Amino acid sequence: MIANPILRGFNADPCICRVGEDYYIATSTFEWYPGVQLHHSQDLKNWRVVKRPLERASQLDMRGEQDSGGVWAPCLTYADGLFWLIYTDMKRAEGDFKDSFNYLVTAPAIEGPWSDPVYLNASGFDPSLFHDEDGRKYLINQLWDYRRKPTAFAGIVLQEYSHDEKKLIGEPKVVYHGTSAGITEGPHLYRFNGWYYMVTAEGGTGYTHTVSVARSKNLEGPYEDHPDLHLLTSRDDPQSPIQRSGHGSIIETPEGEFYMVHLMSRPMPGVRRSVLGRETSIQKVVFDAEGWPRLAHGGMAPALEVETPKGVTAGETIADVTDTDFDSPDLPIDFQWLRSPQPERLFSLSARPGHLRLYGRQSIGSWFEQALVARRQTEFACRAETVTDAQPKSFQHLAGLIAYYNRSKFHYLAISGDGQGGRELSIISCAGSWPESSLNFALRQPVVLPGEGKVRLGLAIDGVVLQFRYAIDDGDWQPVGPTLDASVLSDEGGRGVNGSFTGNFIGMAAYDLAGGTFSADFDSFRYENA
């Protein structure tokens, strides 16, 4: 059996693609760089991140973009010997206007090389590429209406794409307006048994989210809604640990079975906050006698476990542990940073071999240059630790261990200078204060540290509780500060939660608020699920 979720921790808006016996899923990365996570599996159960293809400035530059902007809802397909990746770079998501630029990149192999982007349009977000049986290609995307007449979600628009000309051709046409659930987005087109199937996300990405299906004999419609309107939703099953289910993508196996991946979240019991963000689950799909897709186990609520495909042997289980001494010249693939296509300005693995050097840049929550390198939290209980010998000179120099959701949701165990040649340890938090991002300081007095030498920094998260700890060199761990609210590091945490689309990350950060030359070296990092 395959246990859900299959992609644990922040992995939203999945799009699945099959090439022979290999399966790939693309998921959104929003403001985290490099852009788009590409996961590989041969059994639909065990998945590994193999590439983040948007890795240079010509493909993606998110400096200045707000929290939860950036890369939305990628679409990955394979045709004509190429992988085709469509994505939105959401430059502005707040307010009635949306600046959503849609692009296409291609590659002969999943590892690349990935091309420079082809600009497509900016009429809406969640673009998807459909390859018809006659070889013609079509872009579909959500159409945004800033006038809200009567709603901003103005339907799904279709337009032909010419790969030879590297542009859209013909006129765009709205081909589907969605069901009564509204907020119709996340479209994917498929052709099975002579029908075109339009699969969309509806109801918003919260607790009323759905996967809806419509079909037509003609590409341009009209599309007839599914008899039940929706194929999948958690909204009628509030006791399920899998909530906020929607945004689906369907694949056919070599044996002729059908599976659908979809986003969902695991809110913590009692607080309904999704620290792990929106994750990815999988469901088995069958077609009924009338040709409509339905969940194989019946109903519309997602299953916690589904059958593995026929003819597949389970692959190697992948341990979810990051344990590195930074001896490699490359950053381990678990890690990402924020927004910038110029990582050399943020960190180095060669300046001091065996260490990750972070160059202190702008403050926590900067939308431009922030020296923060982190990985996803993937379970409710986890531990992390790092080691640094940072030598800050003033209170404006900060280096340490951070649990970070966005600029208004973080807990930071930071070493700073005391202004007299010494070092001190503080806890700096922002508990969901939006838009002010007001700071809280959990320690009445900073912890005095030795003037030099290594300091070990750690944290343990157990559900809603986060506890920091520290140790000097090889000494015993000591708890530092009170327990903190880990649940605020979530989509729903704090004020102004609309537009929070990512998940909690844990990692290392350094800041030079004086705009000078402070840097901090970290010689190890370990993360493990408890």
Protein backbone atom coordinates (compact mmCIF):
# COMPACT_ATOMS: atom_id res chain seq x y z
CA MET A 1 0.00 0.00 0.00
CA ILE A 2 1.01 3.62 -0.54
CA ALA A 3 0.66 5.76 2.57
CA ASN A 4 -0.42 9.38 2.19
CA PRO A 5 0.98 11.94 1.91
CA ILE A 6 3.63 10.80 -0.56
CA LEU A 7 5.45 14.17 -0.59
CA ARG A 8 5.67 15.27 3.04
CA GLY A 9 6.24 18.85 4.04
CA PHE A 10 5.58 21.85 1.80
CA ASN A 11 4.98 20.40 -1.69
CA ALA A 12 1.90 22.04 -3.16
CA ASP A 13 0.09 22.07 -6.52
CA PRO A 14 1.40 18.73 -7.83
CA CYS A 15 1.48 17.89 -11.52
CA ILE A 16 2.39 14.30 -12.40
CA CYS A 17 4.02 13.03 -15.59
CA ARG A 18 5.03 9.53 -16.73
CA VAL A 19 7.86 8.62 -19.11
CA GLY A 20 8.02 4.85 -19.61
CA GLU A 21 8.24 3.35 -16.15
CA ASP A 22 9.43 6.58 -14.53
CA TYR A 23 7.10 8.99 -12.78
CA TYR A 24 7.80 12.65 -12.08
CA ILE A 25 5.94 15.21 -9.98
CA ALA A 26 6.47 18.97 -10.18
CA THR A 27 5.46 21.06 -7.15
CA SER A 28 5.32 24.77 -6.39
CA THR A 29 8.20 26.51 -4.61
CA PHE A 30 6.82 30.09 -4.37
CA GLU A 31 9.61 32.42 -3.13
CA TRP A 32 12.14 29.63 -2.46
CA TYR A 33 15.07 29.29 -4.86
CA PRO A 34 15.84 27.43 -7.13
CA GLY A 35 12.33 27.20 -8.52
CA VAL A 36 10.08 24.10 -8.91
CA GLN A 37 10.73 20.81 -7.16
CA LEU A 38 10.94 17.82 -9.52
CA HIS A 39 10.47 14.48 -7.78
CA HIS A 40 11.14 11.02 -9.27
CA SER A 41 9.69 7.59 -8.48
CA GLN A 42 9.26 4.21 -10.12
CA ASP A 43 6.60 2.88 -7.74
CA LEU A 44 4.46 5.97 -6.93
CA LYS A 45 5.35 5.39 -3.26
CA ASN A 46 8.96 6.40 -2.74
CA TRP A 47 9.96 9.78 -4.13
CA ARG A 48 13.22 11.69 -4.35
CA VAL A 49 13.86 15.31 -5.36
CA VAL A 50 16.08 15.10 -8.44
CA LYS A 51 16.15 18.66 -9.77
CA ARG A 52 15.07 22.25 -9.30
CA PRO A 53 15.33 23.47 -12.90
CA LEU A 54 14.76 27.22 -12.49
CA GLU A 55 18.26 27.94 -11.27
CA ARG A 56 19.57 31.03 -13.07
CA ALA A 57 18.54 34.63 -13.46
CA SER A 58 17.37 34.26 -17.07
CA GLN A 59 14.81 31.71 -15.88
CA LEU A 60 13.77 33.17 -12.53
CA ASP A 61 14.56 36.26 -10.45
CA MET A 62 12.21 36.79 -7.51
CA ARG A 63 14.00 39.61 -5.70
CA GLY A 64 11.38 42.04 -4.39
CA GLU A 65 8.49 39.58 -4.61
CA GLN A 66 6.23 39.24 -1.59
CA ASP A 67 5.82 36.22 0.66
CA SER A 68 4.00 33.41 -1.19
CA GLY A 69 4.65 35.09 -4.53
CA GLY A 70 7.08 33.59 -7.03
CA VAL A 71 6.56 30.18 -8.63
CA TRP A 72 2.94 29.05 -8.63
CA ALA A 73 1.48 25.76 -9.85
CA PRO A 74 4.00 24.35 -12.36
CA CYS A 75 2.86 21.92 -15.07
CA LEU A 76 5.23 19.15 -16.18
CA THR A 77 4.57 17.12 -19.35
CA TYR A 78 6.58 14.96 -21.74
CA ALA A 79 6.16 14.91 -25.53
CA ASP A 80 8.29 14.86 -28.68
CA GLY A 81 11.35 13.71 -26.75
CA LEU A 82 11.27 16.69 -24.39
CA PHE A 83 10.15 17.58 -20.90
CA TRP A 84 7.95 20.69 -20.97
CA LEU A 85 7.67 22.78 -17.81
CA ILE A 86 5.16 25.63 -17.58
CA TYR A 87 5.18 27.94 -14.57
CA THR A 88 3.89 31.25 -13.24
CA ASP A 89 6.20 33.85 -11.72
CA MET A 90 3.73 35.78 -9.55
CA LYS A 91 5.22 39.25 -9.24
CA ARG A 92 2.23 40.65 -7.37
CA ALA A 93 -0.46 38.58 -5.68
CA GLU A 94 -2.07 41.02 -3.25
CA GLY A 95 -5.04 43.19 -4.12
CA ASP A 96 -7.28 43.22 -7.16
CA PHE A 97 -4.45 43.23 -9.68
CA LYS A 98 -2.28 40.17 -10.33
CA ASP A 99 1.03 40.36 -12.19
CA SER A 100 1.33 36.70 -13.15
CA PHE A 101 3.88 36.05 -15.89
CA ASN A 102 3.71 32.59 -17.47
CA TYR A 103 6.71 30.89 -19.06
CA LEU A 104 7.81 27.65 -20.71
CA VAL A 105 11.16 25.87 -20.38
CA THR A 106 12.13 22.53 -21.95
CA ALA A 107 14.81 19.87 -21.49
CA PRO A 108 15.81 16.56 -23.12
CA ALA A 109 16.25 14.96 -19.68
CA ILE A 110 14.83 15.70 -16.25
CA GLU A 111 18.30 16.69 -15.00
CA GLY A 112 18.58 19.18 -17.88
CA PRO A 113 19.96 21.18 -19.41
CA TRP A 114 16.82 23.30 -19.05
CA SER A 115 16.33 26.03 -21.64
CA ASP A 116 15.90 29.73 -21.19
CA PRO A 117 12.22 30.57 -20.83
CA VAL A 118 9.71 31.36 -23.55
CA TYR A 119 7.29 34.05 -22.42
CA LEU A 120 3.66 32.99 -22.91
CA ASN A 121 1.17 35.42 -21.34
CA ALA A 122 0.15 37.15 -18.12
CA SER A 123 -3.66 36.87 -18.31
CA GLY A 124 -3.91 34.70 -15.22
CA PHE A 125 -2.09 32.02 -13.25
CA ASP A 126 -1.88 28.21 -13.03
CA PRO A 127 -0.90 27.63 -16.68
CA SER A 128 -0.89 24.12 -18.12
CA LEU A 129 0.24 22.71 -21.47
CA PHE A 130 -1.88 20.12 -23.29
CA HIS A 131 -0.44 17.98 -26.11
CA ASP A 132 -3.27 16.78 -28.34
CA GLU A 133 -3.18 13.52 -30.28
CA ASP A 134 -2.61 15.38 -33.57
CA GLY A 135 0.59 16.97 -32.21
CA ARG A 136 -0.85 20.44 -31.67
CA LYS A 137 -0.27 22.09 -28.31
CA TYR A 138 -2.51 24.30 -26.23
CA LEU A 139 -2.01 26.48 -23.19
CA ILE A 140 -4.79 26.78 -20.65
CA ASN A 141 -4.77 28.98 -17.57
CA GLN A 142 -7.02 30.63 -15.05
CA LEU A 143 -8.23 34.00 -16.38
CA TRP A 144 -8.04 36.85 -13.86
CA ASP A 145 -10.58 39.70 -13.93
CA TYR A 146 -9.50 42.59 -11.69
CA ARG A 147 -12.99 44.13 -12.07
CA ARG A 148 -14.57 41.13 -10.32
CA LYS A 149 -17.52 41.04 -12.72
CA PRO A 150 -18.95 39.10 -10.99
CA THR A 151 -15.79 37.34 -9.74
CA ALA A 152 -12.07 37.65 -10.32
CA PHE A 153 -11.96 33.99 -11.38
CA ALA A 154 -13.25 34.50 -14.91
CA GLY A 155 -12.89 30.96 -16.21
CA ILE A 156 -10.34 28.79 -17.98
CA VAL A 157 -8.89 30.27 -21.17
CA LEU A 158 -7.37 28.19 -24.01
CA GLN A 159 -4.96 29.26 -26.74
CA GLU A 160 -2.79 27.32 -29.18
CA TYR A 161 0.99 27.31 -28.75
CA SER A 162 3.42 27.08 -31.68
CA HIS A 163 6.72 25.54 -30.63
CA ASP A 164 8.26 26.46 -33.99
CA GLU A 165 7.41 30.13 -33.50
CA LYS A 166 7.96 30.00 -29.71
CA LYS A 167 4.72 31.86 -29.01
CA LEU A 168 0.98 31.57 -28.59
CA ILE A 169 -1.00 31.81 -31.82
CA GLY A 170 -4.64 32.48 -32.61
CA GLU A 171 -7.04 34.08 -30.19
CA PRO A 172 -7.59 33.03 -26.58
CA LYS A 173 -11.03 31.63 -25.79
CA VAL A 174 -12.73 31.00 -22.46
CA VAL A 175 -13.79 27.35 -22.67
CA TYR A 176 -14.93 26.61 -19.11
CA HIS A 177 -16.38 28.68 -16.26
CA GLY A 178 -16.35 26.08 -13.49
CA THR A 179 -18.98 24.76 -11.11
CA SER A 180 -20.95 26.42 -8.34
CA ALA A 181 -17.99 25.89 -5.99
CA GLY A 182 -16.31 28.88 -7.66
CA ILE A 183 -12.66 30.02 -7.54
CA THR A 184 -11.95 27.85 -10.59
CA GLU A 185 -8.18 27.50 -11.09
CA GLY A 186 -5.41 24.90 -11.46
CA PRO A 187 -6.63 23.48 -14.81
CA HIS A 188 -5.24 20.40 -16.54
CA LEU A 189 -6.55 18.92 -19.80
CA TYR A 190 -6.50 15.21 -20.67
CA ARG A 191 -7.82 13.08 -23.50
CA PHE A 192 -9.09 9.61 -22.66
CA ASN A 193 -11.36 7.40 -24.77
CA GLY A 194 -12.36 10.16 -27.17
CA TRP A 195 -13.23 12.67 -24.44
CA TYR A 196 -11.44 15.83 -23.36
CA TYR A 197 -11.43 16.01 -19.57
CA MET A 198 -10.99 19.35 -17.82
CA VAL A 199 -9.68 18.84 -14.27
CA THR A 200 -9.69 21.97 -12.12
CA ALA A 201 -9.16 23.10 -8.54
CA GLU A 202 -12.10 24.92 -6.97
CA GLY A 203 -13.38 26.28 -3.70
CA GLY A 204 -10.15 28.02 -2.67
CA THR A 205 -7.07 26.36 -1.26
CA GLY A 206 -8.47 26.14 2.28
CA TYR A 207 -10.84 23.70 3.94
CA THR A 208 -13.46 23.84 1.13
CA HIS A 209 -10.96 22.95 -1.61
CA THR A 210 -11.96 20.44 -4.31
CA VAL A 211 -10.93 18.68 -7.48
CA SER A 212 -13.65 19.18 -10.11
CA VAL A 213 -14.05 17.46 -13.48
CA ALA A 214 -15.87 18.35 -16.70
CA ARG A 215 -15.69 16.80 -20.18
CA SER A 216 -16.39 17.50 -23.83
CA LYS A 217 -16.06 15.80 -27.21
CA ASN A 218 -14.62 19.06 -28.53
CA LEU A 219 -11.48 20.76 -27.30
CA GLU A 220 -13.16 24.16 -27.13
CA GLY A 221 -16.25 22.77 -25.38
CA PRO A 222 -18.88 23.14 -24.24
CA TYR A 223 -17.78 21.15 -21.17
CA GLU A 224 -20.30 19.13 -19.20
CA ASP A 225 -19.80 18.99 -15.43
CA HIS A 226 -19.27 15.70 -13.61
CA PRO A 227 -22.58 14.28 -12.24
CA ASP A 228 -21.20 14.84 -8.72
CA LEU A 229 -19.43 18.07 -9.79
CA HIS A 230 -16.36 17.10 -7.79
CA LEU A 231 -14.03 14.13 -7.91
CA LEU A 232 -12.33 14.74 -4.58
CA THR A 233 -12.73 16.97 -1.51
CA SER A 234 -12.16 16.76 2.26
CA ARG A 235 -14.76 19.38 3.11
CA ASP A 236 -17.39 16.79 4.12
CA ASP A 237 -14.97 14.72 6.22
CA PRO A 238 -13.70 17.07 8.94
CA GLN A 239 -12.31 14.23 11.06
CA SER A 240 -9.91 13.02 8.39
CA PRO A 241 -6.23 13.83 9.01
CA ILE A 242 -6.09 14.80 5.33
CA GLN A 243 -7.72 18.20 4.81
CA ARG A 244 -7.76 21.02 2.21
CA SER A 245 -7.67 18.45 -0.61
CA GLY A 246 -7.73 19.74 -4.17
CA HIS A 247 -5.67 20.70 -7.23
CA GLY A 248 -5.41 17.29 -8.87
CA SER A 249 -3.38 15.84 -11.73
CA ILE A 250 -4.02 12.44 -13.37
CA ILE A 251 -1.67 9.84 -14.86
CA GLU A 252 -2.18 6.48 -16.60
CA THR A 253 0.22 3.65 -15.72
CA PRO A 254 1.70 1.22 -18.30
CA GLU A 255 -0.89 -1.33 -17.09
CA GLY A 256 -3.79 1.00 -17.86
CA GLU A 257 -4.55 2.04 -14.28
CA PHE A 258 -5.19 5.65 -13.32
CA TYR A 259 -3.88 7.61 -10.37
CA MET A 260 -4.36 11.20 -9.30
CA VAL A 261 -2.01 13.27 -7.18
CA HIS A 262 -3.47 16.21 -5.29
CA LEU A 263 -2.50 18.80 -2.73
CA MET A 264 -3.70 18.51 0.86
CA SER A 265 -2.57 19.40 4.36
CA ARG A 266 -2.33 17.76 7.76
CA PRO A 267 -3.55 20.38 10.23
CA MET A 268 -2.40 19.75 13.78
CA PRO A 269 -5.25 18.32 15.88
CA GLY A 270 -6.98 20.89 18.04
CA VAL A 271 -5.52 23.97 16.36
CA ARG A 272 -6.24 23.35 12.65
CA ARG A 273 -2.93 24.88 11.64
CA SER A 274 -0.82 23.39 8.85
CA VAL A 275 2.82 23.84 9.90
CA LEU A 276 3.90 21.37 7.22
CA GLY A 277 2.17 23.44 4.57
CA ARG A 278 0.26 21.93 1.70
CA GLU A 279 1.61 18.48 0.87
CA THR A 280 0.95 15.94 -1.89
CA SER A 281 -1.14 12.75 -1.68
CA ILE A 282 -2.18 10.19 -4.27
CA GLN A 283 -5.48 8.42 -5.02
CA LYS A 284 -6.41 5.59 -7.34
CA VAL A 285 -9.03 6.57 -9.96
CA VAL A 286 -11.38 4.39 -12.00
CA PHE A 287 -13.80 5.31 -14.80
CA ASP A 288 -17.45 4.31 -14.39
CA ALA A 289 -19.70 2.89 -17.08
CA GLU A 290 -20.53 6.37 -18.35
CA GLY A 291 -16.86 7.30 -18.61
CA TRP A 292 -16.64 9.55 -15.54
CA PRO A 293 -13.61 9.33 -13.26
CA ARG A 294 -14.26 8.38 -9.64
CA LEU A 295 -12.13 7.50 -6.65
CA ALA A 296 -11.48 3.76 -6.63
CA HIS A 297 -12.37 3.43 -2.93
CA GLY A 298 -15.68 5.28 -3.40
CA GLY A 299 -16.99 8.65 -2.30
CA MET A 300 -15.06 11.89 -2.64
CA ALA A 301 -12.96 11.91 0.55
CA PRO A 302 -9.26 11.05 0.09
CA ALA A 303 -7.98 7.69 1.29
CA LEU A 304 -5.11 7.42 3.75
CA GLU A 305 -3.73 4.43 1.86
CA VAL A 306 -4.08 3.33 -1.76
CA GLU A 307 -3.05 0.25 -3.71
CA THR A 308 0.26 0.25 -5.51
CA PRO A 309 0.11 -0.09 -9.31
CA LYS A 310 0.11 -3.52 -10.93
CA GLY A 311 3.47 -4.88 -11.99
CA VAL A 312 5.44 -2.55 -9.69
CA THR A 313 7.95 -3.59 -7.04
CA ALA A 314 8.30 -1.15 -4.18
CA GLY A 315 11.49 0.86 -4.42
CA GLU A 316 13.94 1.85 -1.72
CA THR A 317 12.46 3.76 1.20
CA ILE A 318 14.10 7.18 1.41
CA ALA A 319 15.04 8.33 4.91
CA ASP A 320 14.05 11.90 5.66
CA VAL A 321 17.25 13.01 7.35
CA THR A 322 19.61 15.84 6.51
CA ASP A 323 23.05 15.22 8.01
CA THR A 324 25.86 17.16 6.40
CA ASP A 325 29.32 18.46 7.23
CA PHE A 326 29.33 20.72 4.15
CA ASP A 327 32.30 18.87 2.67
CA SER A 328 30.79 18.88 -0.82
CA PRO A 329 31.25 21.87 -3.16
CA ASP A 330 27.49 21.76 -3.80
CA LEU A 331 24.68 22.61 -1.44
CA PRO A 332 22.75 19.43 -0.52
CA ILE A 333 19.53 19.20 -2.50
CA ASP A 334 17.37 19.35 0.64
CA PHE A 335 18.28 23.02 1.05
CA GLN A 336 16.94 26.14 -0.61
CA TRP A 337 17.29 29.87 -0.11
CA LEU A 338 15.04 32.86 -0.78
CA ARG A 339 14.34 34.69 -4.06
CA SER A 340 17.81 35.51 -5.36
CA PRO A 341 19.41 34.04 -8.52
CA GLN A 342 22.81 35.14 -7.13
CA PRO A 343 23.57 32.61 -4.38
CA GLU A 344 27.24 33.61 -4.43
CA ARG A 345 26.19 36.84 -2.72
CA LEU A 346 24.44 34.89 0.04
CA PHE A 347 26.63 31.89 0.79
CA SER A 348 29.76 29.92 -0.13
CA LEU A 349 30.89 26.32 0.33
CA SER A 350 34.44 27.05 -0.83
CA ALA A 351 35.45 30.17 1.14
CA ARG A 352 36.22 27.91 4.12
CA PRO A 353 36.27 24.25 3.05
CA GLY A 354 34.06 22.02 5.17
CA HIS A 355 31.82 24.92 6.15
CA LEU A 356 28.80 26.78 4.86
CA ARG A 357 29.66 30.48 4.98
CA LEU A 358 26.68 32.83 5.10
CA TYR A 359 27.30 36.44 4.11
CA GLY A 360 25.21 38.67 6.34
CA ARG A 361 22.88 40.67 4.11
CA GLN A 362 19.51 42.23 4.83
CA SER A 363 17.14 41.64 7.74
CA ILE A 364 14.86 38.71 8.43
CA GLY A 365 11.99 38.94 6.01
CA SER A 366 13.76 41.01 3.36
CA TRP A 367 12.23 40.44 -0.05
CA PHE A 368 15.56 41.09 -1.78
CA GLU A 369 18.71 39.57 -0.28
CA GLN A 370 18.43 37.37 2.78
CA ALA A 371 21.20 34.94 3.79
CA LEU A 372 18.97 32.10 4.94
CA VAL A 373 19.59 28.49 3.88
CA ALA A 374 17.02 25.98 5.11
CA ARG A 375 15.09 22.76 4.49
CA ARG A 376 11.45 21.76 4.94
CA GLN A 377 9.94 20.49 8.15
CA THR A 378 8.26 17.22 7.15
CA GLU A 379 6.70 15.86 10.35
CA PHE A 380 5.04 17.34 13.44
CA ALA A 381 7.91 16.17 15.68
CA CYS A 382 11.48 16.83 14.62
CA ARG A 383 14.90 17.92 15.83
CA ALA A 384 17.58 20.05 14.23
CA GLU A 385 21.02 21.28 15.23
CA THR A 386 23.96 23.19 13.79
CA VAL A 387 27.42 24.35 14.87
CA THR A 388 28.96 27.78 14.32
CA ASP A 389 31.95 29.76 15.56
CA ALA A 390 30.53 33.08 14.34
CA GLN A 391 32.21 36.20 15.75
CA PRO A 392 29.63 39.01 15.59
CA LYS A 393 30.91 42.44 16.64
CA SER A 394 27.67 44.22 17.46
CA PHE A 395 23.95 43.74 18.06
CA GLN A 396 23.49 44.35 14.32
CA HIS A 397 25.38 41.15 13.51
CA LEU A 398 23.25 38.02 13.86
CA ALA A 399 23.89 34.34 13.11
CA GLY A 400 22.08 31.22 14.19
CA LEU A 401 19.38 28.59 13.83
CA ILE A 402 15.96 29.56 12.50
CA ALA A 403 12.47 28.11 12.07
CA TYR A 404 11.01 30.26 9.29
CA TYR A 405 7.66 30.42 7.52
CA ASN A 406 7.81 34.00 6.24
CA ARG A 407 8.66 37.53 7.34
CA SER A 408 5.89 37.60 9.95
CA LYS A 409 6.19 34.00 11.20
CA PHE A 410 9.54 32.82 12.56
CA HIS A 411 11.55 31.85 15.66
CA TYR A 412 15.28 32.61 15.56
CA LEU A 413 17.99 31.51 18.03
CA ALA A 414 20.65 34.10 17.27
CA ILE A 415 24.21 34.84 18.35
CA SER A 416 25.05 38.54 18.29
CA GLY A 417 27.79 40.82 19.60
CA ASP A 418 27.42 42.60 22.93
CA GLY A 419 29.36 45.67 21.76
CA GLN A 420 32.24 44.97 24.15
CA GLY A 421 33.99 42.17 22.30
CA GLY A 422 31.77 39.43 23.69
CA ARG A 423 28.93 37.32 22.33
CA GLU A 424 25.41 36.72 23.55
CA LEU A 425 22.52 34.47 22.64
CA SER A 426 18.97 35.75 22.07
CA ILE A 427 15.63 34.46 20.80
CA ILE A 428 13.90 36.69 18.26
CA SER A 429 10.37 35.80 17.17
CA CYS A 430 7.57 37.14 15.06
CA ALA A 431 4.36 35.38 16.00
CA GLY A 432 2.19 36.17 13.01
CA SER A 433 2.20 39.95 13.31
CA TRP A 434 1.09 41.01 9.84
CA PRO A 435 1.73 43.43 8.23
CA GLU A 436 3.80 45.08 10.99
CA SER A 437 6.12 42.06 11.56
CA SER A 438 6.60 43.20 15.17
CA LEU A 439 9.30 41.32 17.08
CA ASN A 440 9.10 39.42 20.38
CA PHE A 441 12.11 38.62 22.57
CA ALA A 442 11.63 35.49 24.66
CA LEU A 443 14.66 36.06 26.92
CA ARG A 444 14.60 38.87 29.47
CA GLN A 445 18.39 38.88 29.37
CA PRO A 446 20.56 37.38 26.62
CA VAL A 447 22.67 34.34 27.51
CA VAL A 448 26.32 35.29 27.81
CA LEU A 449 28.58 33.18 25.60
CA PRO A 450 32.37 32.74 25.55
CA GLY A 451 34.08 35.37 23.44
CA GLU A 452 35.20 32.79 20.89
CA GLY A 453 34.87 29.11 19.99
CA LYS A 454 32.14 26.85 18.75
CA VAL A 455 28.53 27.06 19.82
CA ARG A 456 26.02 24.30 19.10
CA LEU A 457 22.48 25.46 18.47
CA GLY A 458 19.48 23.15 18.45
CA LEU A 459 15.72 22.98 18.47
CA ALA A 460 13.06 20.38 19.05
CA ILE A 461 9.53 20.69 17.72
CA ASP A 462 6.77 18.51 19.12
CA GLY A 463 3.44 19.50 17.62
CA VAL A 464 2.64 23.03 18.76
CA VAL A 465 5.70 23.31 21.03
CA LEU A 466 9.16 24.51 19.97
CA GLN A 467 12.09 24.45 22.41
CA PHE A 468 15.50 25.91 21.60
CA ARG A 469 18.71 24.61 23.19
CA TYR A 470 22.42 25.35 23.04
CA ALA A 471 25.80 23.94 24.09
CA ILE A 472 29.34 25.26 24.26
CA ASP A 473 31.77 23.16 22.21
CA ASP A 474 31.22 19.53 23.28
CA GLY A 475 29.42 20.41 26.49
CA ASP A 476 25.96 19.27 27.50
CA TRP A 477 22.86 20.68 25.87
CA GLN A 478 21.03 23.35 27.84
CA PRO A 479 17.47 24.48 27.12
CA VAL A 480 17.25 28.18 26.42
CA GLY A 481 14.15 30.31 26.81
CA PRO A 482 10.54 29.26 27.27
CA THR A 483 8.69 26.91 24.95
CA LEU A 484 7.42 28.76 21.88
CA ASP A 485 4.31 28.37 19.74
CA ALA A 486 5.31 26.29 16.73
CA SER A 487 1.79 26.38 15.29
CA VAL A 488 2.19 30.01 14.22
CA LEU A 489 4.70 28.78 11.61
CA SER A 490 1.82 27.69 9.40
CA ASP A 491 -0.49 28.67 6.57
CA GLU A 492 -3.21 29.59 9.06
CA GLY A 493 -1.03 31.03 11.83
CA GLY A 494 -1.21 34.67 12.91
CA ARG A 495 -3.10 37.57 11.41
CA GLY A 496 -3.39 38.22 7.70
CA VAL A 497 -3.27 34.55 6.79
CA ASN A 498 -4.84 34.97 3.36
CA GLY A 499 -2.13 34.30 0.81
CA SER A 500 0.06 32.09 3.04
CA PHE A 501 0.92 29.20 0.75
CA THR A 502 4.25 27.67 1.84
CA GLY A 503 5.33 25.77 4.99
CA ASN A 504 7.86 25.82 7.80
CA PHE A 505 11.58 25.63 7.00
CA ILE A 506 14.42 24.99 9.46
CA GLY A 507 17.95 26.14 8.76
CA MET A 508 20.73 28.64 9.23
CA ALA A 509 20.67 32.41 8.83
CA ALA A 510 23.05 35.37 9.11
CA TYR A 511 22.29 39.08 9.00
CA ASP A 512 24.42 42.23 8.91
CA LEU A 513 22.01 45.04 9.70
CA ALA A 514 24.83 47.58 9.44
CA GLY A 515 25.36 46.69 5.79
CA GLY A 516 28.98 45.71 6.38
CA THR A 517 31.03 42.58 5.86
CA PHE A 518 29.92 40.24 8.67
CA SER A 519 29.80 36.56 7.75
CA ALA A 520 29.21 33.37 9.75
CA ASP A 521 30.50 29.85 9.17
CA PHE A 522 28.50 26.71 9.96
CA ASP A 523 30.37 23.41 9.97
CA SER A 524 27.43 21.00 10.20
CA PHE A 525 23.67 20.72 10.12
CA ARG A 526 21.44 17.83 11.13
CA TYR A 527 17.68 17.40 10.79
CA GLU A 528 15.70 14.31 11.74
CA ASN A 529 12.10 13.46 12.36
CA ALA A 530 11.50 12.45 15.95
